[in-house]
Amino acid sequence: MFSSIVPLDRYNWELCLEIKLSVQQESFVPSVLYSLAQARFEQLVPYGIMYKEQMVGFIMYGEFAGICWISRILIDKDFQRMGIGSKATLELISVLKKNIRCKEIRTSYDIHNTQAKLFFYSLGFEPTDEPIGSEEVAVLIQE
């Protein structure tokens, strides 16, 4: 079912621009185009998410002072609720755990985005008491 997360490069990055979210989700996350620009200027690492040889999602992270932040995950509205986002995030977590500079894995999401909170909770993240503006910060509890 799920192929893999793939590094974005000059040959495939435009495929991510076709990812569409529901109107409700658009209010919680920046667009893929904005995310790609942010990756370029803030030294974040973007990946595409493949399903049956089709680009259906986008995920990216950044490493800052030993903390690896999963800063974005988007799955096209037509491919949600199929486990693709969970599998892609778990694959990225596996990559990050092998990164010797990555001492901790965190993410953040809008405090009103209960879907994101439940998603990350299901993957082993727990909220911290350190919000950033209107976002809740969650840390991956290591096994």
N, C-alpha and C. Protein backbone atom coordinates (compact mmCIF):
# COMPACT_ATOMS: atom_id res chain seq x y z
N MET A 1 0.83 -1.20 0.00
CA MET A 1 0.00 0.00 0.00
C MET A 1 0.86 1.26 0.00
N PHE A 2 1.62 1.48 1.07
CA PHE A 2 2.40 2.70 1.24
C PHE A 2 3.79 2.49 0.68
N SER A 3 4.21 3.38 -0.18
CA SER A 3 5.55 3.27 -0.74
C SER A 3 6.57 3.78 0.25
N SER A 4 6.67 5.11 0.36
CA SER A 4 7.77 5.64 1.12
C SER A 4 7.70 7.15 1.16
N ILE A 5 8.49 7.71 2.06
CA ILE A 5 8.75 9.13 1.95
C ILE A 5 9.94 9.26 1.02
N VAL A 6 9.90 10.26 0.16
CA VAL A 6 10.99 10.44 -0.81
C VAL A 6 11.50 11.87 -0.72
N PRO A 7 12.82 12.04 -0.77
CA PRO A 7 13.36 13.40 -0.76
C PRO A 7 12.83 14.17 -1.97
N LEU A 8 12.54 15.43 -1.76
CA LEU A 8 12.12 16.26 -2.88
C LEU A 8 13.35 16.80 -3.59
N ASP A 9 13.25 16.85 -4.90
CA ASP A 9 14.37 17.36 -5.69
C ASP A 9 13.81 18.13 -6.89
N ARG A 10 14.68 18.51 -7.79
CA ARG A 10 14.26 19.33 -8.94
C ARG A 10 13.31 18.61 -9.89
N TYR A 11 13.23 17.29 -9.76
CA TYR A 11 12.39 16.51 -10.68
C TYR A 11 11.00 16.21 -10.12
N ASN A 12 10.82 16.25 -8.81
CA ASN A 12 9.53 15.83 -8.26
C ASN A 12 8.83 16.85 -7.37
N TRP A 13 9.47 17.95 -7.03
CA TRP A 13 8.89 18.88 -6.06
C TRP A 13 7.55 19.46 -6.52
N GLU A 14 7.39 19.66 -7.82
CA GLU A 14 6.15 20.25 -8.31
C GLU A 14 4.94 19.33 -8.13
N LEU A 15 5.18 18.03 -8.01
CA LEU A 15 4.08 17.10 -7.78
C LEU A 15 3.38 17.38 -6.45
N CYS A 16 4.12 17.90 -5.48
CA CYS A 16 3.53 18.23 -4.18
C CYS A 16 2.55 19.39 -4.27
N LEU A 17 2.69 20.23 -5.29
CA LEU A 17 1.81 21.38 -5.41
C LEU A 17 0.37 20.97 -5.73
N GLU A 18 0.18 19.73 -6.14
CA GLU A 18 -1.16 19.25 -6.47
C GLU A 18 -1.92 18.71 -5.25
N ILE A 19 -1.27 18.66 -4.09
CA ILE A 19 -1.90 18.16 -2.87
C ILE A 19 -2.96 19.15 -2.41
N LYS A 20 -4.16 18.66 -2.19
CA LYS A 20 -5.29 19.49 -1.77
C LYS A 20 -5.80 19.03 -0.41
N LEU A 21 -6.11 19.99 0.45
CA LEU A 21 -6.68 19.71 1.76
C LEU A 21 -8.13 20.14 1.78
N SER A 22 -8.87 19.71 2.80
CA SER A 22 -10.23 20.21 2.97
C SER A 22 -10.14 21.67 3.41
N VAL A 23 -11.21 22.42 3.21
CA VAL A 23 -11.22 23.83 3.58
C VAL A 23 -10.91 24.00 5.07
N GLN A 24 -11.45 23.13 5.91
CA GLN A 24 -11.21 23.20 7.35
C GLN A 24 -9.72 23.02 7.66
N GLN A 25 -9.07 22.08 6.99
CA GLN A 25 -7.66 21.82 7.25
C GLN A 25 -6.77 22.96 6.78
N GLU A 26 -7.17 23.64 5.72
CA GLU A 26 -6.37 24.75 5.20
C GLU A 26 -6.16 25.85 6.23
N SER A 27 -7.08 25.98 7.17
CA SER A 27 -6.93 27.02 8.18
C SER A 27 -5.89 26.65 9.24
N PHE A 28 -5.47 25.39 9.29
CA PHE A 28 -4.52 24.95 10.30
C PHE A 28 -3.07 24.87 9.81
N VAL A 29 -2.85 24.71 8.52
CA VAL A 29 -1.48 24.53 8.02
C VAL A 29 -1.23 25.40 6.79
N PRO A 30 0.00 25.88 6.66
CA PRO A 30 0.34 26.63 5.44
C PRO A 30 0.31 25.72 4.22
N SER A 31 0.24 26.32 3.06
CA SER A 31 0.22 25.56 1.81
C SER A 31 1.55 24.85 1.58
N VAL A 32 1.54 23.92 0.66
CA VAL A 32 2.78 23.23 0.29
C VAL A 32 3.77 24.23 -0.31
N LEU A 33 3.29 25.14 -1.13
CA LEU A 33 4.18 26.13 -1.74
C LEU A 33 4.87 26.97 -0.67
N TYR A 34 4.11 27.44 0.30
CA TYR A 34 4.71 28.20 1.41
C TYR A 34 5.72 27.32 2.16
N SER A 35 5.35 26.07 2.41
CA SER A 35 6.21 25.14 3.14
C SER A 35 7.53 24.91 2.40
N LEU A 36 7.47 24.81 1.08
CA LEU A 36 8.70 24.63 0.29
C LEU A 36 9.60 25.87 0.39
N ALA A 37 9.00 27.04 0.35
CA ALA A 37 9.78 28.27 0.51
C ALA A 37 10.38 28.32 1.91
N GLN A 38 9.59 27.98 2.91
CA GLN A 38 10.07 27.96 4.29
C GLN A 38 11.24 26.97 4.43
N ALA A 39 11.12 25.81 3.81
CA ALA A 39 12.19 24.82 3.87
C ALA A 39 13.49 25.38 3.32
N ARG A 40 13.39 26.10 2.24
CA ARG A 40 14.57 26.67 1.59
C ARG A 40 15.27 27.70 2.47
N PHE A 41 14.49 28.54 3.13
CA PHE A 41 15.08 29.64 3.89
C PHE A 41 15.33 29.34 5.36
N GLU A 42 14.72 28.28 5.88
CA GLU A 42 14.91 27.93 7.29
C GLU A 42 15.63 26.59 7.46
N GLN A 43 16.25 26.09 6.42
CA GLN A 43 17.01 24.85 6.45
C GLN A 43 16.19 23.68 6.99
N LEU A 44 14.95 23.55 6.48
CA LEU A 44 14.11 22.42 6.81
C LEU A 44 14.25 21.38 5.70
N VAL A 45 13.91 20.15 6.01
CA VAL A 45 14.09 19.05 5.05
C VAL A 45 12.72 18.52 4.63
N PRO A 46 12.32 18.78 3.36
CA PRO A 46 11.01 18.33 2.89
C PRO A 46 11.07 16.96 2.19
N TYR A 47 10.00 16.21 2.34
CA TYR A 47 9.84 14.92 1.66
C TYR A 47 8.45 14.88 1.03
N GLY A 48 8.35 14.14 -0.04
CA GLY A 48 7.04 13.80 -0.58
C GLY A 48 6.62 12.46 -0.01
N ILE A 49 5.32 12.21 0.00
CA ILE A 49 4.80 10.94 0.48
C ILE A 49 4.13 10.25 -0.71
N MET A 50 4.60 9.05 -1.00
CA MET A 50 4.14 8.31 -2.16
C MET A 50 3.13 7.23 -1.76
N TYR A 51 2.14 7.04 -2.63
CA TYR A 51 1.18 5.95 -2.50
C TYR A 51 0.92 5.42 -3.91
N LYS A 52 1.23 4.16 -4.13
CA LYS A 52 1.05 3.55 -5.45
C LYS A 52 1.65 4.43 -6.55
N GLU A 53 2.88 4.84 -6.35
CA GLU A 53 3.64 5.64 -7.32
C GLU A 53 3.04 7.01 -7.60
N GLN A 54 2.20 7.50 -6.68
CA GLN A 54 1.60 8.83 -6.82
C GLN A 54 1.97 9.66 -5.60
N MET A 55 2.34 10.92 -5.81
CA MET A 55 2.64 11.83 -4.71
C MET A 55 1.33 12.27 -4.08
N VAL A 56 1.10 11.86 -2.83
CA VAL A 56 -0.17 12.17 -2.17
C VAL A 56 0.00 12.96 -0.88
N GLY A 57 1.24 13.23 -0.52
CA GLY A 57 1.46 13.94 0.74
C GLY A 57 2.79 14.64 0.79
N PHE A 58 2.96 15.36 1.88
CA PHE A 58 4.14 16.19 2.11
C PHE A 58 4.44 16.15 3.60
N ILE A 59 5.71 16.00 3.94
CA ILE A 59 6.14 16.01 5.33
C ILE A 59 7.52 16.68 5.38
N MET A 60 7.79 17.42 6.46
CA MET A 60 9.12 18.02 6.57
C MET A 60 9.51 18.17 8.03
N TYR A 61 10.81 18.27 8.23
CA TYR A 61 11.34 18.44 9.58
C TYR A 61 12.53 19.39 9.54
N GLY A 62 12.90 19.83 10.73
CA GLY A 62 14.11 20.63 10.89
C GLY A 62 14.78 20.23 12.19
N GLU A 63 16.09 20.43 12.25
CA GLU A 63 16.84 20.10 13.47
C GLU A 63 17.42 21.39 14.03
N PHE A 64 17.10 21.64 15.29
CA PHE A 64 17.54 22.86 15.95
C PHE A 64 18.06 22.51 17.33
N ALA A 65 19.35 22.68 17.55
CA ALA A 65 19.97 22.46 18.85
C ALA A 65 19.62 21.09 19.45
N GLY A 66 19.70 20.06 18.63
CA GLY A 66 19.46 18.71 19.12
C GLY A 66 18.01 18.28 19.16
N ILE A 67 17.09 19.19 18.84
CA ILE A 67 15.67 18.84 18.81
C ILE A 67 15.24 18.78 17.34
N CYS A 68 14.71 17.64 16.94
CA CYS A 68 14.18 17.49 15.58
C CYS A 68 12.68 17.75 15.63
N TRP A 69 12.26 18.73 14.85
CA TRP A 69 10.86 19.16 14.81
C TRP A 69 10.20 18.65 13.54
N ILE A 70 9.14 17.88 13.69
CA ILE A 70 8.30 17.55 12.54
C ILE A 70 7.39 18.76 12.37
N SER A 71 7.68 19.54 11.36
CA SER A 71 7.01 20.84 11.25
C SER A 71 5.83 20.85 10.29
N ARG A 72 5.66 19.80 9.53
CA ARG A 72 4.54 19.80 8.59
C ARG A 72 4.23 18.38 8.17
N ILE A 73 2.95 18.06 8.09
CA ILE A 73 2.50 16.83 7.44
C ILE A 73 1.14 17.13 6.82
N LEU A 74 1.05 16.86 5.53
CA LEU A 74 -0.19 17.07 4.79
C LEU A 74 -0.43 15.84 3.91
N ILE A 75 -1.65 15.35 3.94
CA ILE A 75 -2.07 14.26 3.06
C ILE A 75 -3.24 14.77 2.24
N ASP A 76 -3.19 14.53 0.94
CA ASP A 76 -4.27 14.96 0.06
C ASP A 76 -5.61 14.46 0.60
N LYS A 77 -6.64 15.33 0.52
CA LYS A 77 -7.95 15.00 1.08
C LYS A 77 -8.53 13.70 0.53
N ASP A 78 -8.19 13.32 -0.69
CA ASP A 78 -8.71 12.09 -1.27
C ASP A 78 -7.99 10.84 -0.78
N PHE A 79 -6.90 11.01 -0.01
CA PHE A 79 -6.12 9.87 0.45
C PHE A 79 -6.02 9.82 1.97
N GLN A 80 -6.82 10.61 2.66
CA GLN A 80 -6.81 10.61 4.11
C GLN A 80 -7.58 9.42 4.66
N ARG A 81 -7.29 9.11 5.91
CA ARG A 81 -7.94 8.01 6.64
C ARG A 81 -7.63 6.63 6.02
N MET A 82 -6.44 6.53 5.43
CA MET A 82 -5.99 5.27 4.86
C MET A 82 -4.72 4.78 5.56
N GLY A 83 -4.26 5.51 6.58
CA GLY A 83 -3.04 5.14 7.29
C GLY A 83 -1.77 5.66 6.65
N ILE A 84 -1.88 6.39 5.56
CA ILE A 84 -0.69 6.87 4.83
C ILE A 84 0.09 7.87 5.68
N GLY A 85 -0.61 8.81 6.32
CA GLY A 85 0.07 9.81 7.14
C GLY A 85 0.79 9.19 8.33
N SER A 86 0.15 8.23 8.96
CA SER A 86 0.78 7.54 10.11
C SER A 86 2.04 6.80 9.68
N LYS A 87 1.94 6.07 8.59
CA LYS A 87 3.10 5.31 8.12
C LYS A 87 4.23 6.23 7.69
N ALA A 88 3.90 7.33 7.04
CA ALA A 88 4.93 8.28 6.61
C ALA A 88 5.60 8.93 7.82
N THR A 89 4.81 9.28 8.82
CA THR A 89 5.38 9.90 10.01
C THR A 89 6.25 8.92 10.77
N LEU A 90 5.82 7.68 10.87
CA LEU A 90 6.64 6.66 11.53
C LEU A 90 7.95 6.43 10.77
N GLU A 91 7.88 6.48 9.44
CA GLU A 91 9.11 6.33 8.65
C GLU A 91 10.06 7.50 8.91
N LEU A 92 9.52 8.72 8.97
CA LEU A 92 10.36 9.87 9.26
C LEU A 92 10.93 9.77 10.68
N ILE A 93 10.14 9.34 11.63
CA ILE A 93 10.64 9.16 13.00
C ILE A 93 11.80 8.17 13.01
N SER A 94 11.69 7.10 12.25
CA SER A 94 12.78 6.12 12.16
C SER A 94 14.05 6.76 11.61
N VAL A 95 13.90 7.61 10.60
CA VAL A 95 15.05 8.33 10.04
C VAL A 95 15.65 9.25 11.10
N LEU A 96 14.80 9.97 11.83
CA LEU A 96 15.28 10.92 12.83
C LEU A 96 15.98 10.23 14.00
N LYS A 97 15.49 9.06 14.37
CA LYS A 97 16.13 8.32 15.48
C LYS A 97 17.54 7.88 15.12
N LYS A 98 17.84 7.76 13.83
CA LYS A 98 19.18 7.38 13.39
C LYS A 98 20.12 8.59 13.29
N ASN A 99 19.56 9.78 13.38
CA ASN A 99 20.33 11.03 13.29
C ASN A 99 20.97 11.30 14.65
N ILE A 100 22.29 11.21 14.74
CA ILE A 100 22.96 11.36 16.03
C ILE A 100 22.78 12.75 16.64
N ARG A 101 22.48 13.73 15.82
CA ARG A 101 22.26 15.09 16.35
C ARG A 101 20.87 15.23 16.95
N CYS A 102 19.99 14.31 16.67
CA CYS A 102 18.59 14.39 17.10
C CYS A 102 18.44 13.73 18.47
N LYS A 103 18.38 14.53 19.51
CA LYS A 103 18.26 14.02 20.88
C LYS A 103 16.81 13.89 21.32
N GLU A 104 15.91 14.60 20.62
CA GLU A 104 14.50 14.61 20.99
C GLU A 104 13.68 14.92 19.72
N ILE A 105 12.48 14.36 19.64
CA ILE A 105 11.61 14.62 18.49
C ILE A 105 10.36 15.31 18.99
N ARG A 106 10.06 16.45 18.37
CA ARG A 106 8.89 17.25 18.77
C ARG A 106 8.08 17.62 17.54
N THR A 107 6.89 18.10 17.82
CA THR A 107 6.03 18.68 16.80
C THR A 107 5.17 19.72 17.49
N SER A 108 4.41 20.46 16.70
CA SER A 108 3.44 21.39 17.27
C SER A 108 2.25 21.47 16.33
N TYR A 109 1.13 21.89 16.88
CA TYR A 109 -0.10 22.00 16.09
C TYR A 109 -1.00 23.02 16.77
N ASP A 110 -1.89 23.60 16.00
CA ASP A 110 -2.83 24.60 16.51
C ASP A 110 -3.63 23.99 17.66
N ILE A 111 -3.81 24.76 18.72
CA ILE A 111 -4.52 24.23 19.89
C ILE A 111 -5.95 23.82 19.58
N HIS A 112 -6.52 24.33 18.50
CA HIS A 112 -7.88 23.98 18.11
C HIS A 112 -7.94 22.80 17.14
N ASN A 113 -6.78 22.30 16.74
CA ASN A 113 -6.73 21.20 15.78
C ASN A 113 -6.73 19.86 16.52
N THR A 114 -7.92 19.43 16.94
CA THR A 114 -8.02 18.19 17.70
C THR A 114 -7.63 16.98 16.86
N GLN A 115 -7.85 17.05 15.55
CA GLN A 115 -7.47 15.93 14.67
C GLN A 115 -5.95 15.73 14.71
N ALA A 116 -5.18 16.81 14.66
CA ALA A 116 -3.72 16.70 14.72
C ALA A 116 -3.27 16.19 16.08
N LYS A 117 -3.90 16.68 17.14
CA LYS A 117 -3.54 16.23 18.49
C LYS A 117 -3.75 14.73 18.61
N LEU A 118 -4.90 14.23 18.17
CA LEU A 118 -5.18 12.79 18.24
C LEU A 118 -4.24 11.99 17.36
N PHE A 119 -3.92 12.54 16.19
CA PHE A 119 -2.99 11.88 15.27
C PHE A 119 -1.63 11.68 15.93
N PHE A 120 -1.06 12.75 16.46
CA PHE A 120 0.26 12.64 17.07
C PHE A 120 0.22 11.84 18.36
N TYR A 121 -0.85 11.94 19.11
CA TYR A 121 -1.00 11.13 20.32
C TYR A 121 -0.97 9.64 19.96
N SER A 122 -1.61 9.26 18.86
CA SER A 122 -1.64 7.85 18.44
C SER A 122 -0.26 7.33 18.04
N LEU A 123 0.66 8.25 17.73
CA LEU A 123 2.01 7.86 17.33
C LEU A 123 3.01 7.92 18.49
N GLY A 124 2.53 8.24 19.69
CA GLY A 124 3.41 8.24 20.85
C GLY A 124 3.87 9.62 21.32
N PHE A 125 3.28 10.67 20.80
CA PHE A 125 3.62 12.02 21.25
C PHE A 125 2.73 12.39 22.43
N GLU A 126 3.29 13.18 23.34
CA GLU A 126 2.53 13.70 24.47
C GLU A 126 2.73 15.20 24.55
N PRO A 127 1.64 15.93 24.86
CA PRO A 127 1.77 17.38 24.97
C PRO A 127 2.74 17.79 26.08
N THR A 128 3.41 18.91 25.87
CA THR A 128 4.27 19.48 26.89
C THR A 128 3.53 20.67 27.50
N ASP A 129 4.13 21.29 28.46
CA ASP A 129 3.57 22.51 29.05
C ASP A 129 4.28 23.73 28.48
N GLU A 130 4.74 23.63 27.24
CA GLU A 130 5.52 24.70 26.61
C GLU A 130 4.89 25.13 25.29
N PRO A 131 3.73 25.79 25.33
CA PRO A 131 3.11 26.21 24.06
C PRO A 131 3.96 27.25 23.34
N ILE A 132 3.79 27.31 22.03
CA ILE A 132 4.42 28.35 21.21
C ILE A 132 3.28 29.13 20.58
N GLY A 133 3.01 30.31 21.10
CA GLY A 133 1.90 31.10 20.59
C GLY A 133 0.60 30.34 20.74
N SER A 134 -0.11 30.15 19.62
CA SER A 134 -1.39 29.43 19.64
C SER A 134 -1.22 27.95 19.31
N GLU A 135 0.01 27.46 19.43
CA GLU A 135 0.27 26.04 19.13
C GLU A 135 0.68 25.27 20.36
N GLU A 136 0.18 24.06 20.44
CA GLU A 136 0.58 23.14 21.49
C GLU A 136 1.81 22.38 21.00
N VAL A 137 2.77 22.19 21.86
CA VAL A 137 3.99 21.44 21.54
C VAL A 137 3.86 20.05 22.13
N ALA A 138 4.24 19.06 21.34
CA ALA A 138 4.20 17.67 21.81
C ALA A 138 5.57 17.03 21.57
N VAL A 139 5.95 16.15 22.45
CA VAL A 139 7.23 15.46 22.36
C VAL A 139 6.98 13.97 22.22
N LEU A 140 7.82 13.31 21.42
CA LEU A 140 7.72 11.86 21.25
C LEU A 140 8.31 11.20 22.49
N ILE A 141 7.50 10.37 23.11
CA ILE A 141 7.97 9.61 24.28
C ILE A 141 8.71 8.39 23.75
N GLN A 142 9.99 8.31 24.08
CA GLN A 142 10.81 7.23 23.57
C GLN A 142 10.52 5.93 24.31
N GLU A 143 10.58 4.83 23.59
CA GLU A 143 10.35 3.51 24.19
C GLU A 143 11.51 3.15 25.07
